[in-house]
Amino acid sequence: MKTIQPEELQAKLDAGETVHMIDVREADEVAAGKIPGAQHLPLGLVEFKHQDLDKTEEYVIICRSGGRSGKACAFLESQGFDVTNMSGGMLEWQGEVEL
């Protein structure tokens, strides 16, 4: 499984790169703040909503600490998606958040 450090993701965003991000935390966690531009798709819905995602895109998967996003990555990889897990999750994120 590919991983990216929060600082690496921040550098990509700061450089103006288009990064497709999926936050798999629960709604109450996301309400406390998410990375601007991240799409919210709770882990429990990934199996049912993955067909709405574009297999030609690369996605960075985000959760609180990296565990749930790892599970989402494993599932999405098995379905043919190009995904990267953000190590450390939002606990390690030092960048901007949106409510």
N, C-alpha and C. Protein backbone atom coordinates (compact mmCIF):
# COMPACT_ATOMS: atom_id res chain seq x y z
N MET A 1 0.84 -1.19 0.00
CA MET A 1 0.00 0.00 0.00
C MET A 1 0.89 1.25 0.00
N LYS A 2 0.55 2.16 -0.90
CA LYS A 2 1.30 3.42 -0.96
C LYS A 2 0.86 4.31 0.21
N THR A 3 1.83 5.08 0.72
CA THR A 3 1.52 6.04 1.78
C THR A 3 2.09 7.39 1.43
N ILE A 4 1.52 8.41 2.05
CA ILE A 4 2.02 9.78 1.92
C ILE A 4 1.98 10.39 3.31
N GLN A 5 3.00 11.14 3.64
CA GLN A 5 3.04 11.85 4.91
C GLN A 5 2.20 13.12 4.80
N PRO A 6 1.60 13.56 5.90
CA PRO A 6 0.79 14.79 5.85
C PRO A 6 1.56 15.98 5.28
N GLU A 7 2.86 16.08 5.60
CA GLU A 7 3.65 17.20 5.09
C GLU A 7 3.79 17.13 3.57
N GLU A 8 3.90 15.91 3.04
CA GLU A 8 4.01 15.74 1.59
C GLU A 8 2.71 16.15 0.90
N LEU A 9 1.58 15.77 1.50
CA LEU A 9 0.29 16.16 0.94
C LEU A 9 0.14 17.67 0.99
N GLN A 10 0.54 18.28 2.11
CA GLN A 10 0.46 19.73 2.24
C GLN A 10 1.30 20.42 1.16
N ALA A 11 2.49 19.88 0.88
CA ALA A 11 3.36 20.46 -0.14
C ALA A 11 2.70 20.39 -1.52
N LYS A 12 2.04 19.27 -1.81
CA LYS A 12 1.34 19.14 -3.09
C LYS A 12 0.22 20.18 -3.21
N LEU A 13 -0.54 20.33 -2.14
CA LEU A 13 -1.64 21.30 -2.15
C LEU A 13 -1.10 22.72 -2.27
N ASP A 14 -0.02 23.02 -1.53
CA ASP A 14 0.59 24.36 -1.58
C ASP A 14 1.13 24.68 -2.98
N ALA A 15 1.57 23.63 -3.70
CA ALA A 15 2.11 23.81 -5.04
C ALA A 15 1.00 23.93 -6.09
N GLY A 16 -0.25 23.83 -5.65
CA GLY A 16 -1.37 23.97 -6.57
C GLY A 16 -1.73 22.70 -7.32
N GLU A 17 -1.16 21.56 -6.91
CA GLU A 17 -1.50 20.29 -7.56
C GLU A 17 -2.95 19.93 -7.26
N THR A 18 -3.60 19.32 -8.23
CA THR A 18 -4.94 18.79 -8.00
C THR A 18 -4.78 17.43 -7.33
N VAL A 19 -5.30 17.33 -6.13
CA VAL A 19 -5.21 16.08 -5.37
C VAL A 19 -6.63 15.67 -5.01
N HIS A 20 -7.00 14.46 -5.41
CA HIS A 20 -8.32 13.93 -5.08
C HIS A 20 -8.21 13.24 -3.72
N MET A 21 -8.90 13.79 -2.73
CA MET A 21 -8.82 13.29 -1.37
C MET A 21 -10.19 12.79 -0.92
N ILE A 22 -10.17 11.67 -0.21
CA ILE A 22 -11.40 11.11 0.36
C ILE A 22 -11.19 10.94 1.85
N ASP A 23 -12.05 11.56 2.64
CA ASP A 23 -12.00 11.47 4.10
C ASP A 23 -13.02 10.42 4.51
N VAL A 24 -12.55 9.32 5.12
CA VAL A 24 -13.43 8.21 5.47
C VAL A 24 -13.88 8.22 6.93
N ARG A 25 -13.66 9.34 7.61
CA ARG A 25 -14.12 9.43 9.00
C ARG A 25 -15.65 9.58 9.05
N GLU A 26 -16.17 9.47 10.26
CA GLU A 26 -17.61 9.64 10.46
C GLU A 26 -17.98 11.12 10.38
N ALA A 27 -19.27 11.40 10.18
CA ALA A 27 -19.75 12.76 9.97
C ALA A 27 -19.38 13.69 11.13
N ASP A 28 -19.48 13.21 12.37
CA ASP A 28 -19.17 14.09 13.50
C ASP A 28 -17.69 14.45 13.55
N GLU A 29 -16.83 13.55 13.09
CA GLU A 29 -15.39 13.84 13.04
C GLU A 29 -15.09 14.87 11.94
N VAL A 30 -15.73 14.69 10.79
CA VAL A 30 -15.52 15.61 9.68
C VAL A 30 -16.06 17.00 10.03
N ALA A 31 -17.14 17.06 10.79
CA ALA A 31 -17.73 18.33 11.19
C ALA A 31 -16.75 19.16 12.04
N ALA A 32 -15.81 18.50 12.69
CA ALA A 32 -14.81 19.19 13.50
C ALA A 32 -13.69 19.76 12.63
N GLY A 33 -13.67 19.41 11.35
CA GLY A 33 -12.70 19.95 10.42
C GLY A 33 -12.11 18.90 9.51
N LYS A 34 -12.02 19.24 8.23
CA LYS A 34 -11.42 18.35 7.24
C LYS A 34 -10.50 19.17 6.35
N ILE A 35 -9.66 18.48 5.61
CA ILE A 35 -8.76 19.16 4.69
C ILE A 35 -9.60 19.79 3.58
N PRO A 36 -9.39 21.08 3.30
CA PRO A 36 -10.19 21.72 2.25
C PRO A 36 -10.10 20.95 0.93
N GLY A 37 -11.26 20.70 0.34
CA GLY A 37 -11.32 19.99 -0.93
C GLY A 37 -11.52 18.49 -0.80
N ALA A 38 -11.37 17.96 0.41
CA ALA A 38 -11.55 16.52 0.60
C ALA A 38 -13.02 16.16 0.48
N GLN A 39 -13.28 15.05 -0.18
CA GLN A 39 -14.63 14.51 -0.31
C GLN A 39 -14.90 13.63 0.91
N HIS A 40 -16.06 13.74 1.51
CA HIS A 40 -16.41 12.91 2.66
C HIS A 40 -17.14 11.66 2.17
N LEU A 41 -16.58 10.50 2.52
CA LEU A 41 -17.19 9.21 2.21
C LEU A 41 -16.88 8.29 3.38
N PRO A 42 -17.80 8.17 4.36
CA PRO A 42 -17.52 7.35 5.54
C PRO A 42 -17.11 5.93 5.16
N LEU A 43 -16.19 5.37 5.95
CA LEU A 43 -15.67 4.04 5.66
C LEU A 43 -16.79 3.03 5.44
N GLY A 44 -17.86 3.10 6.23
CA GLY A 44 -18.96 2.15 6.10
C GLY A 44 -19.69 2.22 4.77
N LEU A 45 -19.50 3.31 4.03
CA LEU A 45 -20.17 3.46 2.74
C LEU A 45 -19.25 3.23 1.55
N VAL A 46 -17.95 3.09 1.80
CA VAL A 46 -16.99 2.93 0.69
C VAL A 46 -17.36 1.74 -0.20
N GLU A 47 -17.73 0.63 0.41
CA GLU A 47 -18.07 -0.57 -0.36
C GLU A 47 -19.27 -0.33 -1.28
N PHE A 48 -20.19 0.50 -0.84
CA PHE A 48 -21.43 0.72 -1.60
C PHE A 48 -21.34 1.90 -2.57
N LYS A 49 -20.40 2.81 -2.35
CA LYS A 49 -20.30 4.03 -3.16
C LYS A 49 -19.06 4.06 -4.05
N HIS A 50 -18.20 3.05 -3.98
CA HIS A 50 -16.95 3.10 -4.75
C HIS A 50 -17.19 3.20 -6.25
N GLN A 51 -18.34 2.73 -6.72
CA GLN A 51 -18.61 2.79 -8.15
C GLN A 51 -18.81 4.24 -8.62
N ASP A 52 -19.02 5.16 -7.68
CA ASP A 52 -19.17 6.57 -8.03
C ASP A 52 -17.81 7.25 -8.23
N LEU A 53 -16.73 6.55 -7.88
CA LEU A 53 -15.38 7.11 -8.01
C LEU A 53 -14.82 6.80 -9.40
N ASP A 54 -13.85 7.58 -9.83
CA ASP A 54 -13.25 7.46 -11.16
C ASP A 54 -11.95 6.65 -11.07
N LYS A 55 -11.92 5.49 -11.69
CA LYS A 55 -10.74 4.63 -11.63
C LYS A 55 -9.54 5.22 -12.36
N THR A 56 -9.74 6.28 -13.15
CA THR A 56 -8.60 6.90 -13.84
C THR A 56 -7.90 7.93 -12.96
N GLU A 57 -8.48 8.22 -11.79
CA GLU A 57 -7.89 9.21 -10.88
C GLU A 57 -7.14 8.51 -9.76
N GLU A 58 -6.17 9.22 -9.18
CA GLU A 58 -5.49 8.75 -7.98
C GLU A 58 -6.13 9.44 -6.78
N TYR A 59 -6.35 8.69 -5.72
CA TYR A 59 -6.99 9.23 -4.52
C TYR A 59 -6.08 9.09 -3.31
N VAL A 60 -6.08 10.13 -2.47
CA VAL A 60 -5.44 10.06 -1.16
C VAL A 60 -6.56 9.84 -0.16
N ILE A 61 -6.43 8.79 0.65
CA ILE A 61 -7.47 8.42 1.61
C ILE A 61 -7.03 8.88 2.99
N ILE A 62 -7.96 9.51 3.71
CA ILE A 62 -7.66 10.16 4.99
C ILE A 62 -8.64 9.71 6.06
N CYS A 63 -8.13 9.50 7.28
CA CYS A 63 -9.00 9.26 8.43
C CYS A 63 -8.39 9.95 9.65
N ARG A 64 -8.72 9.52 10.84
CA ARG A 64 -8.22 10.16 12.04
C ARG A 64 -6.76 9.85 12.28
N SER A 65 -6.38 8.56 12.18
CA SER A 65 -5.01 8.17 12.52
C SER A 65 -4.31 7.34 11.45
N GLY A 66 -5.02 6.90 10.44
CA GLY A 66 -4.44 6.10 9.36
C GLY A 66 -4.94 4.67 9.31
N GLY A 67 -5.66 4.23 10.32
CA GLY A 67 -6.16 2.85 10.35
C GLY A 67 -7.34 2.61 9.43
N ARG A 68 -8.37 3.41 9.57
CA ARG A 68 -9.56 3.25 8.71
C ARG A 68 -9.23 3.56 7.26
N SER A 69 -8.38 4.55 7.06
CA SER A 69 -8.00 4.86 5.67
C SER A 69 -7.21 3.70 5.07
N GLY A 70 -6.44 2.99 5.90
CA GLY A 70 -5.73 1.80 5.42
C GLY A 70 -6.70 0.72 4.97
N LYS A 71 -7.77 0.54 5.73
CA LYS A 71 -8.80 -0.44 5.35
C LYS A 71 -9.48 -0.03 4.05
N ALA A 72 -9.79 1.27 3.93
CA ALA A 72 -10.42 1.77 2.71
C ALA A 72 -9.47 1.58 1.52
N CYS A 73 -8.19 1.85 1.73
CA CYS A 73 -7.20 1.67 0.65
C CYS A 73 -7.15 0.21 0.20
N ALA A 74 -7.11 -0.70 1.16
CA ALA A 74 -7.04 -2.12 0.82
C ALA A 74 -8.25 -2.53 -0.03
N PHE A 75 -9.44 -2.09 0.38
CA PHE A 75 -10.64 -2.42 -0.38
C PHE A 75 -10.60 -1.80 -1.77
N LEU A 76 -10.30 -0.50 -1.84
CA LEU A 76 -10.31 0.19 -3.13
C LEU A 76 -9.25 -0.36 -4.06
N GLU A 77 -8.07 -0.71 -3.52
CA GLU A 77 -7.04 -1.34 -4.36
C GLU A 77 -7.55 -2.65 -4.95
N SER A 78 -8.29 -3.41 -4.14
CA SER A 78 -8.83 -4.70 -4.63
C SER A 78 -9.86 -4.50 -5.73
N GLN A 79 -10.40 -3.29 -5.81
CA GLN A 79 -11.38 -2.97 -6.85
C GLN A 79 -10.75 -2.27 -8.05
N GLY A 80 -9.42 -2.13 -8.03
CA GLY A 80 -8.72 -1.56 -9.17
C GLY A 80 -8.43 -0.07 -9.10
N PHE A 81 -8.57 0.53 -7.93
CA PHE A 81 -8.32 1.96 -7.78
C PHE A 81 -6.86 2.22 -7.40
N ASP A 82 -6.37 3.40 -7.79
CA ASP A 82 -5.03 3.86 -7.44
C ASP A 82 -5.18 4.76 -6.21
N VAL A 83 -4.82 4.22 -5.04
CA VAL A 83 -5.04 4.94 -3.79
C VAL A 83 -3.76 5.01 -2.97
N THR A 84 -3.69 6.05 -2.13
CA THR A 84 -2.57 6.28 -1.24
C THR A 84 -3.12 6.61 0.14
N ASN A 85 -2.57 5.99 1.16
CA ASN A 85 -3.01 6.23 2.53
C ASN A 85 -2.21 7.37 3.14
N MET A 86 -2.90 8.37 3.73
CA MET A 86 -2.19 9.43 4.44
C MET A 86 -1.82 8.94 5.83
N SER A 87 -0.54 8.69 6.04
CA SER A 87 -0.02 8.19 7.32
C SER A 87 -0.31 9.18 8.44
N GLY A 88 -0.73 8.64 9.58
CA GLY A 88 -0.96 9.49 10.74
C GLY A 88 -2.29 10.19 10.77
N GLY A 89 -2.97 10.24 9.62
CA GLY A 89 -4.30 10.84 9.55
C GLY A 89 -4.36 12.28 10.01
N MET A 90 -5.56 12.69 10.39
CA MET A 90 -5.79 14.08 10.79
C MET A 90 -5.09 14.41 12.11
N LEU A 91 -4.73 13.40 12.89
CA LEU A 91 -3.97 13.67 14.12
C LEU A 91 -2.62 14.31 13.80
N GLU A 92 -2.08 13.99 12.62
CA GLU A 92 -0.76 14.51 12.23
C GLU A 92 -0.86 15.71 11.28
N TRP A 93 -2.06 16.03 10.81
CA TRP A 93 -2.25 17.12 9.84
C TRP A 93 -2.03 18.46 10.53
N GLN A 94 -1.13 19.26 9.98
CA GLN A 94 -0.83 20.57 10.53
C GLN A 94 -1.38 21.71 9.67
N GLY A 95 -1.94 21.37 8.52
CA GLY A 95 -2.42 22.38 7.59
C GLY A 95 -3.81 22.90 7.92
N GLU A 96 -4.31 23.66 6.99
CA GLU A 96 -5.62 24.27 7.12
C GLU A 96 -6.72 23.22 7.15
N VAL A 97 -7.79 23.52 7.87
CA VAL A 97 -8.97 22.67 7.87
C VAL A 97 -10.19 23.55 7.60
N GLU A 98 -11.21 22.93 7.02
CA GLU A 98 -12.47 23.64 6.83
C GLU A 98 -13.56 22.92 7.61
N LEU A 99 -14.49 23.72 8.09
CA LEU A 99 -15.60 23.16 8.89
C LEU A 99 -16.81 22.92 8.02
